[in-house]
Amino acid sequence: MKHPTTPVIEVENFGKSYGEFTAVRDLSFAVHPGEIVGLVGANGAGKTTTLRALSGSLDAKGHVRFDGRDILHRRTEQIAAAGVAHVPQGRGTITDLTVEENLRLGAYTRRDRDVDTDIETWYAVFPRLADRRGQLAGSMSGGEQQMLAIARAMMARPKLVLLDEPSLGLAPIITQELFRTLGALNREQGISMLVVEQNASLALAIANRGYVLETGSIVVAGSADELGSNDDVRKAYLGF
């Protein structure tokens, strides 16, 4: 697979420590335009820390270039305005706002007049949200809240979406539906995604490439097919 010269996001010698504890050390990876990249590994591997630092929620060291510009020490709102959307672990919907209010909040960085059109677009992608547009987000099921969190992130028209454990706490049938939708969004709209998942088989099923993280370091990297056929990865993360 040939890549354009400039990745959407390029991470080099990236690290994060809490006192004497090193959560992430010397990570180097990239996501190219139109790619889904999976970042997989067990709990405590450093996956969530990585996404939080990339979105500006945590300070870190190293280099993070987004569209060729270093964003590592920018504020969260600047990174979001540049085109990075973060769907955090635990969904992160504003529970005391309605579905539609959450979607409008997702478009707060925009200055165009197409917000209403985009809201209807996401209602078409997630029909259950359309049925609940006036309902408080906190009163919906976990699966519905995850759909809302993704739609709200997409309302910013991002170039890159960071998804942190989107399957967490969801029933298997809802999870499968959600990942099918993510794959379709990538194919149809070309949105680049970095997907953090403990369930490696889910992530690799829709990803182009993947990285396996153990105790804060990348230990295996390759195409999704290569990782799926790697015996060590299969035994440790795919349940074989």
C-alpha atoms as a PDB file:
ATOM      1  CA  MET A   1       0.000   0.000   0.000  1.00  0.00           C
ATOM      2  CA  LYS A   2       1.542   3.286  -1.111  1.00  0.00           C
ATOM      3  CA  HIS A   3       1.225   6.224   1.231  1.00  0.00           C
ATOM      4  CA  PRO A   4       1.229   9.942   0.501  1.00  0.00           C
ATOM      5  CA  THR A   5       4.353  11.754   1.604  1.00  0.00           C
ATOM      6  CA  THR A   6       2.704  13.406   4.614  1.00  0.00           C
ATOM      7  CA  PRO A   7       0.916  11.261   7.216  1.00  0.00           C
ATOM      8  CA  VAL A   8      -2.173  12.688   8.872  1.00  0.00           C
ATOM      9  CA  ILE A   9      -0.372  12.212  12.173  1.00  0.00           C
ATOM     10  CA  GLU A  10       3.218  11.176  12.801  1.00  0.00           C
ATOM     11  CA  VAL A  11       4.485  10.314  16.274  1.00  0.00           C
ATOM     12  CA  GLU A  12       8.222  10.108  17.041  1.00  0.00           C
ATOM     13  CA  ASN A  13      10.066   9.217  20.260  1.00  0.00           C
ATOM     14  CA  PHE A  14       6.859   9.806  22.168  1.00  0.00           C
ATOM     15  CA  GLY A  15       6.866   9.241  25.918  1.00  0.00           C
ATOM     16  CA  LYS A  16       4.902   9.914  29.093  1.00  0.00           C
ATOM     17  CA  SER A  17       5.945   9.363  32.703  1.00  0.00           C
ATOM     18  CA  TYR A  18       4.203   9.861  36.030  1.00  0.00           C
ATOM     19  CA  GLY A  19       7.030  10.475  38.472  1.00  0.00           C
ATOM     20  CA  GLU A  20       9.235   7.389  38.318  1.00  0.00           C
ATOM     21  CA  PHE A  21       6.613   5.342  36.456  1.00  0.00           C
ATOM     22  CA  THR A  22       6.965   5.337  32.672  1.00  0.00           C
ATOM     23  CA  ALA A  23       3.570   4.769  31.062  1.00  0.00           C
ATOM     24  CA  VAL A  24       4.742   5.132  27.449  1.00  0.00           C
ATOM     25  CA  ARG A  25       8.300   5.118  26.097  1.00  0.00           C
ATOM     26  CA  ASP A  26       9.762   6.029  22.702  1.00  0.00           C
ATOM     27  CA  LEU A  27       6.689   5.336  20.592  1.00  0.00           C
ATOM     28  CA  SER A  28       7.020   6.015  16.879  1.00  0.00           C
ATOM     29  CA  PHE A  29       4.107   5.396  14.522  1.00  0.00           C
ATOM     30  CA  ALA A  30       1.972   7.097  11.892  1.00  0.00           C
ATOM     31  CA  VAL A  31      -1.543   7.193  10.498  1.00  0.00           C
ATOM     32  CA  HIS A  32      -1.867   8.046   6.815  1.00  0.00           C
ATOM     33  CA  PRO A  33      -4.832   9.684   5.044  1.00  0.00           C
ATOM     34  CA  GLY A  34      -7.788   7.328   4.790  1.00  0.00           C
ATOM     35  CA  GLU A  35      -6.288   4.676   7.074  1.00  0.00           C
ATOM     36  CA  ILE A  36      -7.647   2.914  10.108  1.00  0.00           C
ATOM     37  CA  VAL A  37      -4.784   1.993  12.442  1.00  0.00           C
ATOM     38  CA  GLY A  38      -5.319  -0.242  15.458  1.00  0.00           C
ATOM     39  CA  LEU A  39      -3.362   0.260  18.678  1.00  0.00           C
ATOM     40  CA  VAL A  40      -3.908  -2.948  20.619  1.00  0.00           C
ATOM     41  CA  GLY A  41      -2.687  -4.402  23.884  1.00  0.00           C
ATOM     42  CA  ALA A  42      -3.710  -5.435  27.371  1.00  0.00           C
ATOM     43  CA  ASN A  43      -4.937  -3.115  30.122  1.00  0.00           C
ATOM     44  CA  GLY A  44      -2.096  -0.959  31.402  1.00  0.00           C
ATOM     45  CA  ALA A  45      -0.128  -1.117  28.137  1.00  0.00           C
ATOM     46  CA  GLY A  46      -0.278   2.669  27.672  1.00  0.00           C
ATOM     47  CA  LYS A  47      -2.975   2.887  24.992  1.00  0.00           C
ATOM     48  CA  THR A  48      -5.284   5.366  26.725  1.00  0.00           C
ATOM     49  CA  THR A  49      -2.349   7.491  27.894  1.00  0.00           C
ATOM     50  CA  THR A  50      -1.197   7.732  24.279  1.00  0.00           C
ATOM     51  CA  LEU A  51      -4.563   8.951  22.977  1.00  0.00           C
ATOM     52  CA  ARG A  52      -5.008  11.425  25.813  1.00  0.00           C
ATOM     53  CA  ALA A  53      -1.583  12.915  25.125  1.00  0.00           C
ATOM     54  CA  LEU A  54      -2.238  13.095  21.372  1.00  0.00           C
ATOM     55  CA  SER A  55      -5.471  15.027  21.996  1.00  0.00           C
ATOM     56  CA  GLY A  56      -3.785  17.467  24.390  1.00  0.00           C
ATOM     57  CA  SER A  57      -5.321  16.137  27.614  1.00  0.00           C
ATOM     58  CA  LEU A  58      -1.891  15.149  28.946  1.00  0.00           C
ATOM     59  CA  ASP A  59       1.547  16.657  28.521  1.00  0.00           C
ATOM     60  CA  ALA A  60       4.194  14.371  27.018  1.00  0.00           C
ATOM     61  CA  LYS A  61       7.607  14.427  25.381  1.00  0.00           C
ATOM     62  CA  GLY A  62       8.736  13.727  21.839  1.00  0.00           C
ATOM     63  CA  HIS A  63       7.252  14.911  18.533  1.00  0.00           C
ATOM     64  CA  VAL A  64       3.688  14.726  17.252  1.00  0.00           C
ATOM     65  CA  ARG A  65       3.118  16.194  13.805  1.00  0.00           C
ATOM     66  CA  PHE A  66      -0.415  16.617  12.526  1.00  0.00           C
ATOM     67  CA  ASP A  67      -0.621  17.607   8.861  1.00  0.00           C
ATOM     68  CA  GLY A  68       3.098  18.328   9.114  1.00  0.00           C
ATOM     69  CA  ARG A  69       2.833  20.688  12.103  1.00  0.00           C
ATOM     70  CA  ASP A  70       3.954  19.869  15.642  1.00  0.00           C
ATOM     71  CA  ILE A  71       0.921  19.816  17.964  1.00  0.00           C
ATOM     72  CA  LEU A  72       2.345  18.114  21.040  1.00  0.00           C
ATOM     73  CA  HIS A  73       2.263  21.136  23.342  1.00  0.00           C
ATOM     74  CA  ARG A  74      -0.854  22.794  21.980  1.00  0.00           C
ATOM     75  CA  ARG A  75      -4.018  23.138  24.044  1.00  0.00           C
ATOM     76  CA  THR A  76      -6.816  20.597  23.615  1.00  0.00           C
ATOM     77  CA  GLU A  77      -9.112  23.079  21.880  1.00  0.00           C
ATOM     78  CA  GLN A  78      -6.365  24.039  19.413  1.00  0.00           C
ATOM     79  CA  ILE A  79      -5.768  20.390  18.535  1.00  0.00           C
ATOM     80  CA  ALA A  80      -9.518  19.845  18.085  1.00  0.00           C
ATOM     81  CA  ALA A  81      -9.791  22.925  15.861  1.00  0.00           C
ATOM     82  CA  ALA A  82      -6.887  21.629  13.751  1.00  0.00           C
ATOM     83  CA  GLY A  83      -8.909  18.505  12.935  1.00  0.00           C
ATOM     84  CA  VAL A  84      -8.338  15.885  15.666  1.00  0.00           C
ATOM     85  CA  ALA A  85     -11.448  14.459  17.365  1.00  0.00           C
ATOM     86  CA  HIS A  86     -11.174  12.301  20.493  1.00  0.00           C
ATOM     87  CA  VAL A  87     -13.839   9.821  21.604  1.00  0.00           C
ATOM     88  CA  PRO A  88     -12.627   9.019  25.123  1.00  0.00           C
ATOM     89  CA  GLN A  89     -12.987   5.792  27.049  1.00  0.00           C
ATOM     90  CA  GLY A  90     -16.346   5.739  28.792  1.00  0.00           C
ATOM     91  CA  ARG A  91     -17.966   7.600  25.885  1.00  0.00           C
ATOM     92  CA  GLY A  92     -17.763  11.135  27.304  1.00  0.00           C
ATOM     93  CA  THR A  93     -21.240  12.336  26.330  1.00  0.00           C
ATOM     94  CA  ILE A  94     -22.627  15.322  28.248  1.00  0.00           C
ATOM     95  CA  THR A  95     -25.262  13.394  30.141  1.00  0.00           C
ATOM     96  CA  ASP A  96     -27.501  16.317  31.141  1.00  0.00           C
ATOM     97  CA  LEU A  97     -27.746  17.619  27.561  1.00  0.00           C
ATOM     98  CA  THR A  98     -30.045  16.176  24.915  1.00  0.00           C
ATOM     99  CA  VAL A  99     -28.832  14.175  21.944  1.00  0.00           C
ATOM    100  CA  GLU A 100     -29.186  17.170  19.640  1.00  0.00           C
ATOM    101  CA  GLU A 101     -27.475  19.528  22.094  1.00  0.00           C
ATOM    102  CA  ASN A 102     -24.536  17.106  22.248  1.00  0.00           C
ATOM    103  CA  LEU A 103     -24.289  17.090  18.453  1.00  0.00           C
ATOM    104  CA  ARG A 104     -24.346  20.887  18.275  1.00  0.00           C
ATOM    105  CA  LEU A 105     -21.635  21.000  20.925  1.00  0.00           C
ATOM    106  CA  GLY A 106     -19.508  18.809  18.649  1.00  0.00           C
ATOM    107  CA  ALA A 107     -19.623  21.536  15.996  1.00  0.00           C
ATOM    108  CA  TYR A 108     -18.534  24.364  18.306  1.00  0.00           C
ATOM    109  CA  THR A 109     -15.262  24.974  16.388  1.00  0.00           C
ATOM    110  CA  ARG A 110     -17.059  25.367  13.050  1.00  0.00           C
ATOM    111  CA  ARG A 111     -18.013  28.667  11.438  1.00  0.00           C
ATOM    112  CA  ASP A 112     -19.964  27.350   8.429  1.00  0.00           C
ATOM    113  CA  ARG A 113     -23.733  27.103   7.967  1.00  0.00           C
ATOM    114  CA  ASP A 114     -23.975  23.364   7.365  1.00  0.00           C
ATOM    115  CA  VAL A 115     -24.352  22.240  10.976  1.00  0.00           C
ATOM    116  CA  ASP A 116     -28.068  21.432  10.654  1.00  0.00           C
ATOM    117  CA  THR A 117     -27.391  19.441   7.467  1.00  0.00           C
ATOM    118  CA  ASP A 118     -24.639  17.462   9.203  1.00  0.00           C
ATOM    119  CA  ILE A 119     -26.892  16.706  12.176  1.00  0.00           C
ATOM    120  CA  GLU A 120     -29.417  15.146   9.796  1.00  0.00           C
ATOM    121  CA  THR A 121     -26.579  13.215   8.122  1.00  0.00           C
ATOM    122  CA  TRP A 122     -25.571  11.648  11.428  1.00  0.00           C
ATOM    123  CA  TYR A 123     -29.180  10.908  12.304  1.00  0.00           C
ATOM    124  CA  ALA A 124     -29.287   8.939   9.039  1.00  0.00           C
ATOM    125  CA  VAL A 125     -26.097   7.053  10.006  1.00  0.00           C
ATOM    126  CA  PHE A 126     -27.393   6.358  13.530  1.00  0.00           C
ATOM    127  CA  PRO A 127     -31.224   6.214  13.257  1.00  0.00           C
ATOM    128  CA  ARG A 128     -31.587   5.487  16.972  1.00  0.00           C
ATOM    129  CA  LEU A 129     -30.200   8.948  17.704  1.00  0.00           C
ATOM    130  CA  ALA A 130     -32.856  10.505  15.475  1.00  0.00           C
ATOM    131  CA  ASP A 131     -35.540   8.734  17.504  1.00  0.00           C
ATOM    132  CA  ARG A 132     -34.035  10.173  20.696  1.00  0.00           C
ATOM    133  CA  ARG A 133     -32.992  13.640  19.539  1.00  0.00           C
ATOM    134  CA  GLY A 134     -34.788  15.361  22.437  1.00  0.00           C
ATOM    135  CA  GLN A 135     -33.785  12.776  25.057  1.00  0.00           C
ATOM    136  CA  LEU A 136     -31.111  13.400  27.682  1.00  0.00           C
ATOM    137  CA  ALA A 137     -27.917  11.559  26.741  1.00  0.00           C
ATOM    138  CA  GLY A 138     -27.526  10.140  30.247  1.00  0.00           C
ATOM    139  CA  SER A 139     -30.839   8.304  30.001  1.00  0.00           C
ATOM    140  CA  MET A 140     -29.796   6.270  26.947  1.00  0.00           C
ATOM    141  CA  SER A 141     -28.183   2.833  26.788  1.00  0.00           C
ATOM    142  CA  GLY A 142     -24.414   2.420  26.629  1.00  0.00           C
ATOM    143  CA  GLY A 143     -24.534   1.541  22.948  1.00  0.00           C
ATOM    144  CA  GLU A 144     -26.632   4.590  22.127  1.00  0.00           C
ATOM    145  CA  GLN A 145     -24.286   6.839  24.097  1.00  0.00           C
ATOM    146  CA  GLN A 146     -21.318   5.421  22.191  1.00  0.00           C
ATOM    147  CA  MET A 147     -23.061   6.160  18.895  1.00  0.00           C
ATOM    148  CA  LEU A 148     -23.730   9.703  20.126  1.00  0.00           C
ATOM    149  CA  ALA A 149     -20.105  10.176  21.194  1.00  0.00           C
ATOM    150  CA  ILE A 150     -18.898   9.144  17.730  1.00  0.00           C
ATOM    151  CA  ALA A 151     -21.478  11.290  15.917  1.00  0.00           C
ATOM    152  CA  ARG A 152     -20.600  14.260  18.123  1.00  0.00           C
ATOM    153  CA  ALA A 153     -16.901  13.819  17.277  1.00  0.00           C
ATOM    154  CA  MET A 154     -17.747  13.623  13.568  1.00  0.00           C
ATOM    155  CA  MET A 155     -19.716  16.887  13.790  1.00  0.00           C
ATOM    156  CA  ALA A 156     -16.367  18.692  13.950  1.00  0.00           C
ATOM    157  CA  ARG A 157     -15.572  17.321  10.459  1.00  0.00           C
ATOM    158  CA  PRO A 158     -12.234  15.952  11.712  1.00  0.00           C
ATOM    159  CA  LYS A 159      -9.357  14.665   9.611  1.00  0.00           C
ATOM    160  CA  LEU A 160      -8.454  12.145  12.329  1.00  0.00           C
ATOM    161  CA  VAL A 161     -10.608  10.442  14.963  1.00  0.00           C
ATOM    162  CA  LEU A 162      -9.033   8.932  18.077  1.00  0.00           C
ATOM    163  CA  LEU A 163     -11.261   6.157  19.445  1.00  0.00           C
ATOM    164  CA  ASP A 164     -10.497   4.815  22.916  1.00  0.00           C
ATOM    165  CA  GLU A 165     -11.970   1.350  23.600  1.00  0.00           C
ATOM    166  CA  PRO A 166     -15.218   1.916  21.661  1.00  0.00           C
ATOM    167  CA  SER A 167     -16.388  -1.618  22.541  1.00  0.00           C
ATOM    168  CA  LEU A 168     -16.031  -1.124  26.305  1.00  0.00           C
ATOM    169  CA  GLY A 169     -19.142  -2.242  28.175  1.00  0.00           C
ATOM    170  CA  LEU A 170     -21.213  -2.911  25.062  1.00  0.00           C
ATOM    171  CA  ALA A 171     -23.130  -6.075  24.234  1.00  0.00           C
ATOM    172  CA  PRO A 172     -21.459  -8.114  21.443  1.00  0.00           C
ATOM    173  CA  ILE A 173     -24.240  -7.463  18.908  1.00  0.00           C
ATOM    174  CA  ILE A 174     -24.037  -3.682  19.502  1.00  0.00           C
ATOM    175  CA  THR A 175     -20.244  -3.837  19.264  1.00  0.00           C
ATOM    176  CA  GLN A 176     -20.370  -5.614  15.910  1.00  0.00           C
ATOM    177  CA  GLU A 177     -22.841  -3.041  14.571  1.00  0.00           C
ATOM    178  CA  LEU A 178     -20.679  -0.176  15.809  1.00  0.00           C
ATOM    179  CA  PHE A 179     -17.507  -1.508  14.204  1.00  0.00           C
ATOM    180  CA  ARG A 180     -19.306  -2.158  10.915  1.00  0.00           C
ATOM    181  CA  THR A 181     -20.384   1.495  10.976  1.00  0.00           C
ATOM    182  CA  LEU A 182     -16.826   2.691  11.695  1.00  0.00           C
ATOM    183  CA  GLY A 183     -15.516   0.654   8.762  1.00  0.00           C
ATOM    184  CA  ALA A 184     -18.222   2.057   6.477  1.00  0.00           C
ATOM    185  CA  LEU A 185     -17.469   5.655   7.561  1.00  0.00           C
ATOM    186  CA  ASN A 186     -13.816   5.114   6.740  1.00  0.00           C
ATOM    187  CA  ARG A 187     -14.555   3.609   3.320  1.00  0.00           C
ATOM    188  CA  GLU A 188     -17.239   6.102   2.305  1.00  0.00           C
ATOM    189  CA  GLN A 189     -15.853   9.330   3.784  1.00  0.00           C
ATOM    190  CA  GLY A 190     -12.129   8.599   3.979  1.00  0.00           C
ATOM    191  CA  ILE A 191     -11.908   9.588   7.652  1.00  0.00           C
ATOM    192  CA  SER A 192      -8.623   8.473   9.221  1.00  0.00           C
ATOM    193  CA  MET A 193      -8.939   6.676  12.554  1.00  0.00           C
ATOM    194  CA  LEU A 194      -6.631   5.547  15.345  1.00  0.00           C
ATOM    195  CA  VAL A 195      -8.518   2.874  17.270  1.00  0.00           C
ATOM    196  CA  VAL A 196      -7.369   1.753  20.710  1.00  0.00           C
ATOM    197  CA  GLU A 197      -8.820  -1.633  21.635  1.00  0.00           C
ATOM    198  CA  GLN A 198      -8.185  -4.394  24.131  1.00  0.00           C
ATOM    199  CA  ASN A 199     -10.286  -6.591  21.822  1.00  0.00           C
ATOM    200  CA  ALA A 200      -7.648  -6.906  19.116  1.00  0.00           C
ATOM    201  CA  SER A 201      -9.799  -8.985  16.763  1.00  0.00           C
ATOM    202  CA  LEU A 202     -12.370  -6.177  16.557  1.00  0.00           C
ATOM    203  CA  ALA A 203      -9.780  -3.517  15.789  1.00  0.00           C
ATOM    204  CA  LEU A 204      -7.861  -5.616  13.267  1.00  0.00           C
ATOM    205  CA  ALA A 205     -11.056  -6.590  11.451  1.00  0.00           C
ATOM    206  CA  ILE A 206     -11.502  -2.994  10.236  1.00  0.00           C
ATOM    207  CA  ALA A 207      -7.899  -1.743  10.392  1.00  0.00           C
ATOM    208  CA  ASN A 208      -5.374  -1.408   7.579  1.00  0.00           C
ATOM    209  CA  ARG A 209      -2.416  -1.659   9.948  1.00  0.00           C
ATOM    210  CA  GLY A 210      -1.777  -2.164  13.627  1.00  0.00           C
ATOM    211  CA  TYR A 211       0.689  -1.787  16.463  1.00  0.00           C
ATOM    212  CA  VAL A 212       0.843  -4.014  19.538  1.00  0.00           C
ATOM    213  CA  LEU A 213       1.690  -2.178  22.753  1.00  0.00           C
ATOM    214  CA  GLU A 214       3.153  -3.895  25.819  1.00  0.00           C
ATOM    215  CA  THR A 215       4.167  -2.011  28.973  1.00  0.00           C
ATOM    216  CA  GLY A 216       4.395   1.257  27.092  1.00  0.00           C
ATOM    217  CA  SER A 217       6.386   0.084  24.054  1.00  0.00           C
ATOM    218  CA  ILE A 218       5.515  -1.126  20.564  1.00  0.00           C
ATOM    219  CA  VAL A 219       6.529  -4.786  20.330  1.00  0.00           C
ATOM    220  CA  VAL A 220       4.947  -5.776  17.005  1.00  0.00           C
ATOM    221  CA  ALA A 221       3.825  -3.726  13.990  1.00  0.00           C
ATOM    222  CA  GLY A 222       2.446  -4.670  10.600  1.00  0.00           C
ATOM    223  CA  SER A 223      -0.595  -4.883   8.394  1.00  0.00           C
ATOM    224  CA  ALA A 224      -3.801  -6.113   9.992  1.00  0.00           C
ATOM    225  CA  ASP A 225      -3.429  -9.399   8.104  1.00  0.00           C
ATOM    226  CA  GLU A 226       0.160  -9.827   9.319  1.00  0.00           C
ATOM    227  CA  LEU A 227      -0.805  -9.235  12.923  1.00  0.00           C
ATOM    228  CA  GLY A 228      -3.810 -11.513  12.608  1.00  0.00           C
ATOM    229  CA  SER A 229      -1.593 -14.366  11.401  1.00  0.00           C
ATOM    230  CA  ASN A 230       1.228 -13.729  13.912  1.00  0.00           C
ATOM    231  CA  ASP A 231       1.191 -16.669  16.362  1.00  0.00           C
ATOM    232  CA  ASP A 232       2.321 -14.591  19.343  1.00  0.00           C
ATOM    233  CA  VAL A 233      -0.330 -11.941  18.693  1.00  0.00           C
ATOM    234  CA  ARG A 234      -2.986 -14.595  18.129  1.00  0.00           C
ATOM    235  CA  LYS A 235      -2.205 -16.331  21.422  1.00  0.00           C
ATOM    236  CA  ALA A 236      -1.906 -13.156  23.482  1.00  0.00           C
ATOM    237  CA  TYR A 237      -4.689 -10.986  22.025  1.00  0.00           C
ATOM    238  CA  LEU A 238      -6.939 -12.923  19.690  1.00  0.00           C
ATOM    239  CA  GLY A 239      -7.912 -15.793  21.970  1.00  0.00           C
ATOM    240  CA  PHE A 240      -6.231 -18.604  20.002  1.00  0.00           C
END
